[in-house]
Amino acid sequence: MNQEVDIYTETMAKVYADQGHWARAVEIYQHLAQREPQRQDLIDGLVHARQKMEDQPTTRPEELVPLFREWIELLLQQEKLEKLKKLRRKL
């Protein structure tokens, strides 16, 4: 048995849910609900976590453009700095 599955508990699912890690909470609630399908509280937790996961906004690609631009600019600046350091060492 997977060691991670061994520590799947309702408490772990609640902790993940409280922290907003909905996918992990869903994973644990699914596992627990399969083992104990008669427990309505687990099913309710699973439904709630799934709804929250679906409600989370997804990042649109156009929102990433400014971040990539900044990243590229920083890379170019780093490259320039490295060249200047090499020149300085030669002098």
PDB file of N, CA and C in Angstrom:
ATOM      1  N   MET A   1       0.850  -1.195   0.000  1.00  0.00           N
ATOM      2  CA  MET A   1       0.000   0.000   0.000  1.00  0.00           C
ATOM      3  C   MET A   1       0.884   1.244   0.000  1.00  0.00           C
ATOM      4  N   ASN A   2       0.462   2.243  -0.742  1.00  0.00           N
ATOM      5  CA  ASN A   2       1.189   3.497  -0.823  1.00  0.00           C
ATOM      6  C   ASN A   2       1.260   4.147   0.552  1.00  0.00           C
ATOM      7  N   GLN A   3       2.448   4.581   0.929  1.00  0.00           N
ATOM      8  CA  GLN A   3       2.645   5.178   2.249  1.00  0.00           C
ATOM      9  C   GLN A   3       1.793   6.432   2.424  1.00  0.00           C
ATOM     10  N   GLU A   4       1.637   7.214   1.346  1.00  0.00           N
ATOM     11  CA  GLU A   4       0.846   8.428   1.418  1.00  0.00           C
ATOM     12  C   GLU A   4      -0.619   8.116   1.703  1.00  0.00           C
ATOM     13  N   VAL A   5      -1.139   7.077   1.085  1.00  0.00           N
ATOM     14  CA  VAL A   5      -2.529   6.677   1.296  1.00  0.00           C
ATOM     15  C   VAL A   5      -2.749   6.228   2.735  1.00  0.00           C
ATOM     16  N   ASP A   6      -1.717   5.687   3.357  1.00  0.00           N
ATOM     17  CA  ASP A   6      -1.839   5.244   4.740  1.00  0.00           C
ATOM     18  C   ASP A   6      -2.160   6.385   5.703  1.00  0.00           C
ATOM     19  N   ILE A   7      -1.754   7.603   5.345  1.00  0.00           N
ATOM     20  CA  ILE A   7      -2.010   8.730   6.249  1.00  0.00           C
ATOM     21  C   ILE A   7      -3.216   9.563   5.819  1.00  0.00           C
ATOM     22  N   TYR A   8      -4.002   9.065   4.881  1.00  0.00           N
ATOM     23  CA  TYR A   8      -5.214   9.754   4.476  1.00  0.00           C
ATOM     24  C   TYR A   8      -6.221   9.660   5.612  1.00  0.00           C
ATOM     25  N   THR A   9      -6.499  10.802   6.211  1.00  0.00           N
ATOM     26  CA  THR A   9      -7.477  10.858   7.291  1.00  0.00           C
ATOM     27  C   THR A   9      -8.412  12.027   7.032  1.00  0.00           C
ATOM     28  N   GLU A  10      -9.508  12.012   7.738  1.00  0.00           N
ATOM     29  CA  GLU A  10     -10.449  13.113   7.624  1.00  0.00           C
ATOM     30  C   GLU A  10      -9.787  14.415   8.076  1.00  0.00           C
ATOM     31  N   THR A  11      -8.960  14.323   9.093  1.00  0.00           N
ATOM     32  CA  THR A  11      -8.248  15.505   9.577  1.00  0.00           C
ATOM     33  C   THR A  11      -7.337  16.076   8.497  1.00  0.00           C
ATOM     34  N   MET A  12      -6.613  15.196   7.789  1.00  0.00           N
ATOM     35  CA  MET A  12      -5.750  15.657   6.707  1.00  0.00           C
ATOM     36  C   MET A  12      -6.575  16.350   5.623  1.00  0.00           C
ATOM     37  N   ALA A  13      -7.704  15.784   5.281  1.00  0.00           N
ATOM     38  CA  ALA A  13      -8.569  16.389   4.261  1.00  0.00           C
ATOM     39  C   ALA A  13      -9.027  17.771   4.720  1.00  0.00           C
ATOM     40  N   LYS A  14      -9.401  17.892   5.984  1.00  0.00           N
ATOM     41  CA  LYS A  14      -9.850  19.183   6.516  1.00  0.00           C
ATOM     42  C   LYS A  14      -8.714  20.202   6.528  1.00  0.00           C
ATOM     43  N   VAL A  15      -7.516  19.759   6.872  1.00  0.00           N
ATOM     44  CA  VAL A  15      -6.360  20.667   6.883  1.00  0.00           C
ATOM     45  C   VAL A  15      -6.105  21.203   5.479  1.00  0.00           C
ATOM     46  N   TYR A  16      -6.086  20.300   4.498  1.00  0.00           N
ATOM     47  CA  TYR A  16      -5.887  20.740   3.113  1.00  0.00           C
ATOM     48  C   TYR A  16      -6.999  21.699   2.684  1.00  0.00           C
ATOM     49  N   ALA A  17      -8.223  21.386   3.047  1.00  0.00           N
ATOM     50  CA  ALA A  17      -9.342  22.261   2.684  1.00  0.00           C
ATOM     51  C   ALA A  17      -9.193  23.624   3.351  1.00  0.00           C
ATOM     52  N   ASP A  18      -8.842  23.644   4.619  1.00  0.00           N
ATOM     53  CA  ASP A  18      -8.662  24.912   5.332  1.00  0.00           C
ATOM     54  C   ASP A  18      -7.566  25.764   4.701  1.00  0.00           C
ATOM     55  N   GLN A  19      -6.567  25.115   4.121  1.00  0.00           N
ATOM     56  CA  GLN A  19      -5.457  25.827   3.489  1.00  0.00           C
ATOM     57  C   GLN A  19      -5.749  26.167   2.025  1.00  0.00           C
ATOM     58  N   GLY A  20      -6.889  25.725   1.520  1.00  0.00           N
ATOM     59  CA  GLY A  20      -7.257  26.027   0.146  1.00  0.00           C
ATOM     60  C   GLY A  20      -6.647  25.095  -0.883  1.00  0.00           C
ATOM     61  N   HIS A  21      -6.106  23.975  -0.428  1.00  0.00           N
ATOM     62  CA  HIS A  21      -5.547  22.970  -1.344  1.00  0.00           C
ATOM     63  C   HIS A  21      -6.661  21.979  -1.694  1.00  0.00           C
ATOM     64  N   TRP A  22      -7.557  22.455  -2.537  1.00  0.00           N
ATOM     65  CA  TRP A  22      -8.785  21.711  -2.810  1.00  0.00           C
ATOM     66  C   TRP A  22      -8.551  20.397  -3.531  1.00  0.00           C
ATOM     67  N   ALA A  23      -7.604  20.352  -4.434  1.00  0.00           N
ATOM     68  CA  ALA A  23      -7.345  19.107  -5.180  1.00  0.00           C
ATOM     69  C   ALA A  23      -6.881  18.002  -4.231  1.00  0.00           C
ATOM     70  N   ARG A  24      -6.011  18.344  -3.283  1.00  0.00           N
ATOM     71  CA  ARG A  24      -5.545  17.347  -2.310  1.00  0.00           C
ATOM     72  C   ARG A  24      -6.699  16.918  -1.398  1.00  0.00           C
ATOM     73  N   ALA A  25      -7.525  17.876  -0.990  1.00  0.00           N
ATOM     74  CA  ALA A  25      -8.672  17.550  -0.146  1.00  0.00           C
ATOM     75  C   ALA A  25      -9.622  16.608  -0.878  1.00  0.00           C
ATOM     76  N   VAL A  26      -9.875  16.886  -2.152  1.00  0.00           N
ATOM     77  CA  VAL A  26     -10.740  16.020  -2.966  1.00  0.00           C
ATOM     78  C   VAL A  26     -10.154  14.616  -3.032  1.00  0.00           C
ATOM     79  N   GLU A  27      -8.862  14.534  -3.294  1.00  0.00           N
ATOM     80  CA  GLU A  27      -8.190  13.232  -3.393  1.00  0.00           C
ATOM     81  C   GLU A  27      -8.379  12.413  -2.118  1.00  0.00           C
ATOM     82  N   ILE A  28      -8.197  13.042  -0.982  1.00  0.00           N
ATOM     83  CA  ILE A  28      -8.311  12.330   0.293  1.00  0.00           C
ATOM     84  C   ILE A  28      -9.766  11.976   0.586  1.00  0.00           C
ATOM     85  N   TYR A  29     -10.672  12.942   0.382  1.00  0.00           N
ATOM     86  CA  TYR A  29     -12.092  12.652   0.623  1.00  0.00           C
ATOM     87  C   TYR A  29     -12.586  11.519  -0.288  1.00  0.00           C
ATOM     88  N   GLN A  30     -12.128  11.489  -1.539  1.00  0.00           N
ATOM     89  CA  GLN A  30     -12.524  10.403  -2.439  1.00  0.00           C
ATOM     90  C   GLN A  30     -12.067   9.059  -1.882  1.00  0.00           C
ATOM     91  N   HIS A  31     -10.828   9.017  -1.458  1.00  0.00           N
ATOM     92  CA  HIS A  31     -10.280   7.778  -0.913  1.00  0.00           C
ATOM     93  C   HIS A  31     -11.084   7.332   0.318  1.00  0.00           C
ATOM     94  N   LEU A  32     -11.343   8.268   1.208  1.00  0.00           N
ATOM     95  CA  LEU A  32     -12.074   7.928   2.435  1.00  0.00           C
ATOM     96  C   LEU A  32     -13.514   7.530   2.139  1.00  0.00           C
ATOM     97  N   ALA A  33     -14.160   8.237   1.214  1.00  0.00           N
ATOM     98  CA  ALA A  33     -15.555   7.937   0.883  1.00  0.00           C
ATOM     99  C   ALA A  33     -15.682   6.572   0.199  1.00  0.00           C
ATOM    100  N   GLN A  34     -14.661   6.178  -0.547  1.00  0.00           N
ATOM    101  CA  GLN A  34     -14.685   4.849  -1.163  1.00  0.00           C
ATOM    102  C   GLN A  34     -14.563   3.761  -0.099  1.00  0.00           C
ATOM    103  N   ARG A  35     -13.782   4.041   0.923  1.00  0.00           N
ATOM    104  CA  ARG A  35     -13.598   3.051   1.990  1.00  0.00           C
ATOM    105  C   ARG A  35     -14.792   2.978   2.931  1.00  0.00           C
ATOM    106  N   GLU A  36     -15.459   4.138   3.115  1.00  0.00           N
ATOM    107  CA  GLU A  36     -16.612   4.202   4.017  1.00  0.00           C
ATOM    108  C   GLU A  36     -17.764   4.949   3.329  1.00  0.00           C
ATOM    109  N   PRO A  37     -18.387   4.328   2.334  1.00  0.00           N
ATOM    110  CA  PRO A  37     -19.427   5.012   1.554  1.00  0.00           C
ATOM    111  C   PRO A  37     -20.680   5.374   2.362  1.00  0.00           C
ATOM    112  N   GLN A  38     -20.848   4.803   3.511  1.00  0.00           N
ATOM    113  CA  GLN A  38     -22.022   5.095   4.329  1.00  0.00           C
ATOM    114  C   GLN A  38     -21.887   6.411   5.101  1.00  0.00           C
ATOM    115  N   ARG A  39     -20.680   6.972   5.160  1.00  0.00           N
ATOM    116  CA  ARG A  39     -20.443   8.205   5.921  1.00  0.00           C
ATOM    117  C   ARG A  39     -20.786   9.433   5.087  1.00  0.00           C
ATOM    118  N   GLN A  40     -21.926  10.013   5.417  1.00  0.00           N
ATOM    119  CA  GLN A  40     -22.408  11.186   4.694  1.00  0.00           C
ATOM    120  C   GLN A  40     -21.480  12.389   4.887  1.00  0.00           C
ATOM    121  N   ASP A  41     -20.828  12.490   6.051  1.00  0.00           N
ATOM    122  CA  ASP A  41     -19.945  13.628   6.283  1.00  0.00           C
ATOM    123  C   ASP A  41     -18.754  13.628   5.320  1.00  0.00           C
ATOM    124  N   LEU A  42     -18.276  12.452   4.958  1.00  0.00           N
ATOM    125  CA  LEU A  42     -17.176  12.366   4.005  1.00  0.00           C
ATOM    126  C   LEU A  42     -17.644  12.749   2.603  1.00  0.00           C
ATOM    127  N   ILE A  43     -18.826  12.293   2.256  1.00  0.00           N
ATOM    128  CA  ILE A  43     -19.394  12.629   0.952  1.00  0.00           C
ATOM    129  C   ILE A  43     -19.648  14.130   0.866  1.00  0.00           C
ATOM    130  N   ASP A  44     -20.174  14.708   1.952  1.00  0.00           N
ATOM    131  CA  ASP A  44     -20.403  16.156   1.987  1.00  0.00           C
ATOM    132  C   ASP A  44     -19.087  16.920   1.849  1.00  0.00           C
ATOM    133  N   GLY A  45     -18.063  16.456   2.539  1.00  0.00           N
ATOM    134  CA  GLY A  45     -16.745  17.087   2.430  1.00  0.00           C
ATOM    135  C   GLY A  45     -16.201  17.004   1.019  1.00  0.00           C
ATOM    136  N   LEU A  46     -16.400  15.857   0.374  1.00  0.00           N
ATOM    137  CA  LEU A  46     -15.950  15.666  -1.004  1.00  0.00           C
ATOM    138  C   LEU A  46     -16.684  16.614  -1.947  1.00  0.00           C
ATOM    139  N   VAL A  47     -17.992  16.695  -1.807  1.00  0.00           N
ATOM    140  CA  VAL A  47     -18.787  17.585  -2.658  1.00  0.00           C
ATOM    141  C   VAL A  47     -18.356  19.036  -2.460  1.00  0.00           C
ATOM    142  N   HIS A  48     -18.176  19.438  -1.211  1.00  0.00           N
ATOM    143  CA  HIS A  48     -17.767  20.812  -0.902  1.00  0.00           C
ATOM    144  C   HIS A  48     -16.393  21.117  -1.504  1.00  0.00           C
ATOM    145  N   ALA A  49     -15.441  20.211  -1.335  1.00  0.00           N
ATOM    146  CA  ALA A  49     -14.085  20.420  -1.862  1.00  0.00           C
ATOM    147  C   ALA A  49     -14.102  20.479  -3.387  1.00  0.00           C
ATOM    148  N   ARG A  50     -14.896  19.628  -4.018  1.00  0.00           N
ATOM    149  CA  ARG A  50     -15.000  19.665  -5.488  1.00  0.00           C
ATOM    150  C   ARG A  50     -15.572  20.998  -5.966  1.00  0.00           C
ATOM    151  N   GLN A  51     -16.610  21.483  -5.278  1.00  0.00           N
ATOM    152  CA  GLN A  51     -17.215  22.759  -5.663  1.00  0.00           C
ATOM    153  C   GLN A  51     -16.203  23.889  -5.519  1.00  0.00           C
ATOM    154  N   LYS A  52     -15.469  23.892  -4.417  1.00  0.00           N
ATOM    155  CA  LYS A  52     -14.464  24.932  -4.196  1.00  0.00           C
ATOM    156  C   LYS A  52     -13.370  24.865  -5.255  1.00  0.00           C
ATOM    157  N   MET A  53     -12.961  23.653  -5.605  1.00  0.00           N
ATOM    158  CA  MET A  53     -11.916  23.478  -6.605  1.00  0.00           C
ATOM    159  C   MET A  53     -12.387  24.024  -7.955  1.00  0.00           C
ATOM    160  N   GLU A  54     -13.645  23.760  -8.297  1.00  0.00           N
ATOM    161  CA  GLU A  54     -14.200  24.237  -9.561  1.00  0.00           C
ATOM    162  C   GLU A  54     -14.396  25.749  -9.560  1.00  0.00           C
ATOM    163  N   ASP A  55     -14.637  26.322  -8.380  1.00  0.00           N
ATOM    164  CA  ASP A  55     -14.872  27.764  -8.269  1.00  0.00           C
ATOM    165  C   ASP A  55     -13.581  28.583  -8.326  1.00  0.00           C
ATOM    166  N   GLN A  56     -12.444  27.919  -8.129  1.00  0.00           N
ATOM    167  CA  GLN A  56     -11.184  28.649  -8.143  1.00  0.00           C
ATOM    168  C   GLN A  56     -10.934  29.227  -9.522  1.00  0.00           C
ATOM    169  N   PRO A  57     -10.544  30.496  -9.557  1.00  0.00           N
ATOM    170  CA  PRO A  57     -10.248  31.084 -10.870  1.00  0.00           C
ATOM    171  C   PRO A  57      -8.968  30.467 -11.442  1.00  0.00           C
ATOM    172  N   THR A  58      -8.976  30.318 -12.732  1.00  0.00           N
ATOM    173  CA  THR A  58      -7.777  29.801 -13.390  1.00  0.00           C
ATOM    174  C   THR A  58      -7.030  30.972 -14.000  1.00  0.00           C
ATOM    175  N   THR A  59      -5.741  30.850 -14.068  1.00  0.00           N
ATOM    176  CA  THR A  59      -4.920  31.906 -14.649  1.00  0.00           C
ATOM    177  C   THR A  59      -5.033  31.845 -16.163  1.00  0.00           C
ATOM    178  N   ARG A  60      -5.367  32.976 -16.737  1.00  0.00           N
ATOM    179  CA  ARG A  60      -5.467  33.056 -18.187  1.00  0.00           C
ATOM    180  C   ARG A  60      -4.084  33.358 -18.753  1.00  0.00           C
ATOM    181  N   PRO A  61      -3.766  32.823 -19.921  1.00  0.00           N
ATOM    182  CA  PRO A  61      -2.433  33.041 -20.510  1.00  0.00           C
ATOM    183  C   PRO A  61      -2.051  34.515 -20.633  1.00  0.00           C
ATOM    184  N   GLU A  62      -3.018  35.362 -20.967  1.00  0.00           N
ATOM    185  CA  GLU A  62      -2.696  36.786 -21.125  1.00  0.00           C
ATOM    186  C   GLU A  62      -2.268  37.437 -19.807  1.00  0.00           C
ATOM    187  N   GLU A  63      -2.620  36.832 -18.682  1.00  0.00           N
ATOM    188  CA  GLU A  63      -2.178  37.351 -17.393  1.00  0.00           C
ATOM    189  C   GLU A  63      -0.702  37.030 -17.140  1.00  0.00           C
ATOM    190  N   LEU A  64      -0.189  36.055 -17.856  1.00  0.00           N
ATOM    191  CA  LEU A  64       1.204  35.655 -17.673  1.00  0.00           C
ATOM    192  C   LEU A  64       2.182  36.478 -18.505  1.00  0.00           C
ATOM    193  N   VAL A  65       1.686  37.152 -19.522  1.00  0.00           N
ATOM    194  CA  VAL A  65       2.556  37.906 -20.427  1.00  0.00           C
ATOM    195  C   VAL A  65       3.424  38.911 -19.678  1.00  0.00           C
ATOM    196  N   PRO A  66       2.872  39.747 -18.786  1.00  0.00           N
ATOM    197  CA  PRO A  66       3.741  40.693 -18.078  1.00  0.00           C
ATOM    198  C   PRO A  66       4.814  39.998 -17.231  1.00  0.00           C
ATOM    199  N   LEU A  67       4.472  38.875 -16.663  1.00  0.00           N
ATOM    200  CA  LEU A  67       5.457  38.143 -15.859  1.00  0.00           C
ATOM    201  C   LEU A  67       6.586  37.605 -16.722  1.00  0.00           C
ATOM    202  N   PHE A  68       6.253  37.075 -17.897  1.00  0.00           N
ATOM    203  CA  PHE A  68       7.285  36.582 -18.803  1.00  0.00           C
ATOM    204  C   PHE A  68       8.168  37.720 -19.309  1.00  0.00           C
ATOM    205  N   ARG A  69       7.558  38.854 -19.592  1.00  0.00           N
ATOM    206  CA  ARG A  69       8.348  40.008 -20.037  1.00  0.00           C
ATOM    207  C   ARG A  69       9.359  40.414 -18.959  1.00  0.00           C
ATOM    208  N   GLU A  70       8.876  40.495 -17.736  1.00  0.00           N
ATOM    209  CA  GLU A  70       9.773  40.856 -16.629  1.00  0.00           C
ATOM    210  C   GLU A  70      10.878  39.816 -16.458  1.00  0.00           C
ATOM    211  N   TRP A  71      10.532  38.561 -16.564  1.00  0.00           N
ATOM    212  CA  TRP A  71      11.505  37.481 -16.424  1.00  0.00           C
ATOM    213  C   TRP A  71      12.581  37.584 -17.507  1.00  0.00           C
ATOM    214  N   ILE A  72      12.153  37.812 -18.742  1.00  0.00           N
ATOM    215  CA  ILE A  72      13.107  37.930 -19.847  1.00  0.00           C
ATOM    216  C   ILE A  72      14.010  39.145 -19.639  1.00  0.00           C
ATOM    217  N   GLU A  73      13.429  40.253 -19.210  1.00  0.00           N
ATOM    218  CA  GLU A  73      14.224  41.454 -18.945  1.00  0.00           C
ATOM    219  C   GLU A  73      15.269  41.190 -17.857  1.00  0.00           C
ATOM    220  N   LEU A  74      14.882  40.498 -16.832  1.00  0.00           N
ATOM    221  CA  LEU A  74      15.833  40.159 -15.762  1.00  0.00           C
ATOM    222  C   LEU A  74      16.945  39.242 -16.274  1.00  0.00           C
ATOM    223  N   LEU A  75      16.598  38.301 -17.123  1.00  0.00           N
ATOM    224  CA  LEU A  75      17.622  37.427 -17.710  1.00  0.00           C
ATOM    225  C   LEU A  75      18.615  38.224 -18.545  1.00  0.00           C
ATOM    226  N   LEU A  76      18.110  39.168 -19.318  1.00  0.00           N
ATOM    227  CA  LEU A  76      18.991  40.003 -20.135  1.00  0.00           C
ATOM    228  C   LEU A  76      19.889  40.872 -19.261  1.00  0.00           C
ATOM    229  N   GLN A  77      19.331  41.407 -18.193  1.00  0.00           N
ATOM    230  CA  GLN A  77      20.135  42.204 -17.271  1.00  0.00           C
ATOM    231  C   GLN A  77      21.229  41.360 -16.618  1.00  0.00           C
ATOM    232  N   GLN A  78      20.881  40.146 -16.253  1.00  0.00           N
ATOM    233  CA  GLN A  78      21.860  39.252 -15.645  1.00  0.00           C
ATOM    234  C   GLN A  78      22.990  38.950 -16.626  1.00  0.00           C
ATOM    235  N   GLU A  79      22.631  38.722 -17.870  1.00  0.00           N
ATOM    236  CA  GLU A  79      23.636  38.447 -18.895  1.00  0.00           C
ATOM    237  C   GLU A  79      24.580  39.644 -19.056  1.00  0.00           C
ATOM    238  N   LYS A  80      24.028  40.847 -19.064  1.00  0.00           N
ATOM    239  CA  LYS A  80      24.852  42.053 -19.173  1.00  0.00           C
ATOM    240  C   LYS A  80      25.789  42.182 -17.969  1.00  0.00           C
ATOM    241  N   LEU A  81      25.266  41.893 -16.796  1.00  0.00           N
ATOM    242  CA  LEU A  81      26.101  41.967 -15.593  1.00  0.00           C
ATOM    243  C   LEU A  81      27.258  40.971 -15.651  1.00  0.00           C
ATOM    244  N   GLU A  82      26.975  39.787 -16.121  1.00  0.00           N
ATOM    245  CA  GLU A  82      28.025  38.772 -16.231  1.00  0.00           C
ATOM    246  C   GLU A  82      29.115  39.225 -17.204  1.00  0.00           C
ATOM    247  N   LYS A  83      28.718  39.835 -18.302  1.00  0.00           N
ATOM    248  CA  LYS A  83      29.690  40.345 -19.267  1.00  0.00           C
ATOM    249  C   LYS A  83      30.541  41.447 -18.645  1.00  0.00           C
ATOM    250  N   LEU A  84      29.898  42.338 -17.906  1.00  0.00           N
ATOM    251  CA  LEU A  84      30.641  43.410 -17.240  1.00  0.00           C
ATOM    252  C   LEU A  84      31.624  42.855 -16.210  1.00  0.00           C
ATOM    253  N   LYS A  85      31.218  41.843 -15.482  1.00  0.00           N
ATOM    254  CA  LYS A  85      32.119  41.217 -14.495  1.00  0.00           C
ATOM    255  C   LYS A  85      33.341  40.613 -15.179  1.00  0.00           C
ATOM    256  N   LYS A  86      33.122  39.983 -16.309  1.00  0.00           N
ATOM    257  CA  LYS A  86      34.239  39.394 -17.058  1.00  0.00           C
ATOM    258  C   LYS A  86      35.194  40.478 -17.551  1.00  0.00           C
ATOM    259  N   LEU A  87      34.644  41.563 -18.064  1.00  0.00           N
ATOM    260  CA  LEU A  87      35.469  42.676 -18.515  1.00  0.00           C
ATOM    261  C   LEU A  87      36.281  43.276 -17.377  1.00  0.00           C
ATOM    262  N   ARG A  88      35.639  43.414 -16.260  1.00  0.00           N
ATOM    263  CA  ARG A  88      36.306  43.984 -15.071  1.00  0.00           C
ATOM    264  C   ARG A  88      37.470  43.111 -14.628  1.00  0.00           C
ATOM    265  N   ARG A  89      37.281  41.803 -14.663  1.00  0.00           N
ATOM    266  CA  ARG A  89      38.356  40.883 -14.266  1.00  0.00           C
ATOM    267  C   ARG A  89      39.551  40.958 -15.224  1.00  0.00           C
ATOM    268  N   LYS A  90      39.282  41.243 -16.482  1.00  0.00           N
ATOM    269  CA  LYS A  90      40.353  41.338 -17.476  1.00  0.00           C
ATOM    270  C   LYS A  90      41.189  42.585 -17.287  1.00  0.00           C
ATOM    271  N   LEU A  91      40.586  43.631 -16.720  1.00  0.00           N
ATOM    272  CA  LEU A  91      41.308  44.898 -16.540  1.00  0.00           C
ATOM    273  C   LEU A  91      42.221  44.853 -15.380  1.00  0.00           C
TER     274      LEU A  91
END
